[in-house]
C-alpha atoms as a PDB file:
ATOM      1  CA  MET A   1      13.548  -2.725  -6.294  1.00  0.00           C
ATOM      2  CA  PRO A   2      14.582  -1.180  -2.992  1.00  0.00           C
ATOM      3  CA  ILE A   3      11.057   0.093  -2.139  1.00  0.00           C
ATOM      4  CA  VAL A   4       9.038  -2.613  -0.373  1.00  0.00           C
ATOM      5  CA  VAL A   5       5.264  -2.279  -0.031  1.00  0.00           C
ATOM      6  CA  THR A   6       3.948  -3.625   3.276  1.00  0.00           C
ATOM      7  CA  LEU A   7       0.307  -2.781   2.647  1.00  0.00           C
ATOM      8  CA  ASP A   8      -0.746  -6.374   3.361  1.00  0.00           C
ATOM      9  CA  VAL A   9       0.750  -6.133   6.858  1.00  0.00           C
ATOM     10  CA  MET A  10      -1.129  -2.922   7.626  1.00  0.00           C
ATOM     11  CA  LEU A  11      -4.376  -4.384   6.281  1.00  0.00           C
ATOM     12  CA  ALA A  12      -3.938  -7.360   8.609  1.00  0.00           C
ATOM     13  CA  ARG A  13      -3.204  -5.088  11.581  1.00  0.00           C
ATOM     14  CA  ARG A  14      -6.360  -3.090  10.893  1.00  0.00           C
ATOM     15  CA  LYS A  15      -8.365  -6.268  10.187  1.00  0.00           C
ATOM     16  CA  MET A  16      -9.474  -4.819   6.875  1.00  0.00           C
ATOM     17  CA  ARG A  17      -9.951  -6.679   3.621  1.00  0.00           C
ATOM     18  CA  SER A  18      -8.600  -5.469   0.300  1.00  0.00           C
ATOM     19  CA  LYS A  19     -12.142  -5.129  -1.020  1.00  0.00           C
ATOM     20  CA  GLU A  20     -13.088  -2.758   1.797  1.00  0.00           C
ATOM     21  CA  LEU A  21      -9.961  -0.651   1.276  1.00  0.00           C
ATOM     22  CA  ALA A  22     -10.633  -0.465  -2.464  1.00  0.00           C
ATOM     23  CA  GLU A  23     -14.164   0.812  -1.846  1.00  0.00           C
ATOM     24  CA  ILE A  24     -13.016   3.439   0.665  1.00  0.00           C
ATOM     25  CA  VAL A  25     -10.131   4.672  -1.507  1.00  0.00           C
ATOM     26  CA  GLY A  26     -12.033   4.505  -4.788  1.00  0.00           C
ATOM     27  CA  ILE A  27      -9.725   2.130  -6.648  1.00  0.00           C
ATOM     28  CA  THR A  28     -10.258  -1.384  -7.946  1.00  0.00           C
ATOM     29  CA  GLU A  29      -9.479  -4.506  -5.953  1.00  0.00           C
ATOM     30  CA  GLN A  30      -7.029  -5.408  -8.706  1.00  0.00           C
ATOM     31  CA  ASN A  31      -5.106  -2.179  -8.094  1.00  0.00           C
ATOM     32  CA  VAL A  32      -4.984  -2.901  -4.352  1.00  0.00           C
ATOM     33  CA  SER A  33      -3.664  -6.364  -5.188  1.00  0.00           C
ATOM     34  CA  LEU A  34      -0.987  -4.881  -7.452  1.00  0.00           C
ATOM     35  CA  LEU A  35       0.008  -2.447  -4.715  1.00  0.00           C
ATOM     36  CA  LYS A  36       0.211  -5.248  -2.148  1.00  0.00           C
ATOM     37  CA  SER A  37       2.437  -7.318  -4.413  1.00  0.00           C
ATOM     38  CA  GLY A  38       4.712  -4.376  -5.212  1.00  0.00           C
ATOM     39  CA  LYS A  39       4.117  -4.763  -8.943  1.00  0.00           C
ATOM     40  CA  VAL A  40       3.420  -1.076  -9.509  1.00  0.00           C
ATOM     41  CA  LYS A  41       5.945   1.468 -10.718  1.00  0.00           C
ATOM     42  CA  GLY A  42       4.341   4.338  -8.832  1.00  0.00           C
ATOM     43  CA  VAL A  43       1.381   5.526  -6.832  1.00  0.00           C
ATOM     44  CA  ARG A  44      -0.328   8.906  -6.854  1.00  0.00           C
ATOM     45  CA  PHE A  45       0.068  10.938  -3.687  1.00  0.00           C
ATOM     46  CA  GLU A  46      -3.705  11.390  -3.654  1.00  0.00           C
ATOM     47  CA  THR A  47      -4.183   7.608  -3.588  1.00  0.00           C
ATOM     48  CA  LEU A  48      -1.482   7.188  -0.958  1.00  0.00           C
ATOM     49  CA  GLU A  49      -3.170   9.851   1.162  1.00  0.00           C
ATOM     50  CA  LYS A  50      -6.546   8.076   0.938  1.00  0.00           C
ATOM     51  CA  ILE A  51      -4.964   4.735   1.839  1.00  0.00           C
ATOM     52  CA  CYS A  52      -3.289   6.292   4.870  1.00  0.00           C
ATOM     53  CA  GLN A  53      -6.567   7.925   5.943  1.00  0.00           C
ATOM     54  CA  ALA A  54      -8.454   4.643   5.594  1.00  0.00           C
ATOM     55  CA  LEU A  55      -5.831   2.687   7.548  1.00  0.00           C
ATOM     56  CA  ASP A  56      -5.018   5.466  10.019  1.00  0.00           C
ATOM     57  CA  CYS A  57      -1.319   5.225   9.233  1.00  0.00           C
ATOM     58  CA  THR A  58       1.537   7.114   7.610  1.00  0.00           C
ATOM     59  CA  PRO A  59       3.253   6.349   4.283  1.00  0.00           C
ATOM     60  CA  GLY A  60       6.178   4.963   6.270  1.00  0.00           C
ATOM     61  CA  ASP A  61       3.869   2.317   7.718  1.00  0.00           C
ATOM     62  CA  ILE A  62       3.142   0.857   4.280  1.00  0.00           C
ATOM     63  CA  LEU A  63       6.340   1.666   2.378  1.00  0.00           C
ATOM     64  CA  ASP A  64       9.819   0.540   3.385  1.00  0.00           C
ATOM     65  CA  TYR A  65      13.259   1.091   1.914  1.00  0.00           C
ATOM     66  CA  ALA A  66      15.485  -1.982   1.635  1.00  0.00           C
ATOM     67  CA  PRO A  67      18.488  -1.257  -0.586  1.00  0.00           C
ATOM     68  CA  ASP A  68      19.747  -3.971  -2.878  1.00  0.00           C
ATOM     69  CA  GLU A  69      23.080  -5.536  -1.972  1.00  0.00           C
ATOM     70  CA  THR A  70      24.538  -3.978  -5.129  1.00  0.00           C
ATOM     71  CA  ASP A  71      23.530  -0.442  -4.056  1.00  0.00           C
END
């Protein structure tokens, strides 16, 4: 998939644990883990907004576009 989730990088930069982010955003730690691994098919804008607020970042800081070689 050409969309790469770099949430783990931003968490490290902010020195925040997944558990803390989950509590702030109001989602489960398992969902944060799935987001970090890129194993989700989509994310609600509301959730993305809360993540960005918690990490003081923009969506572009945690999502990247890397097209496949076949694209």
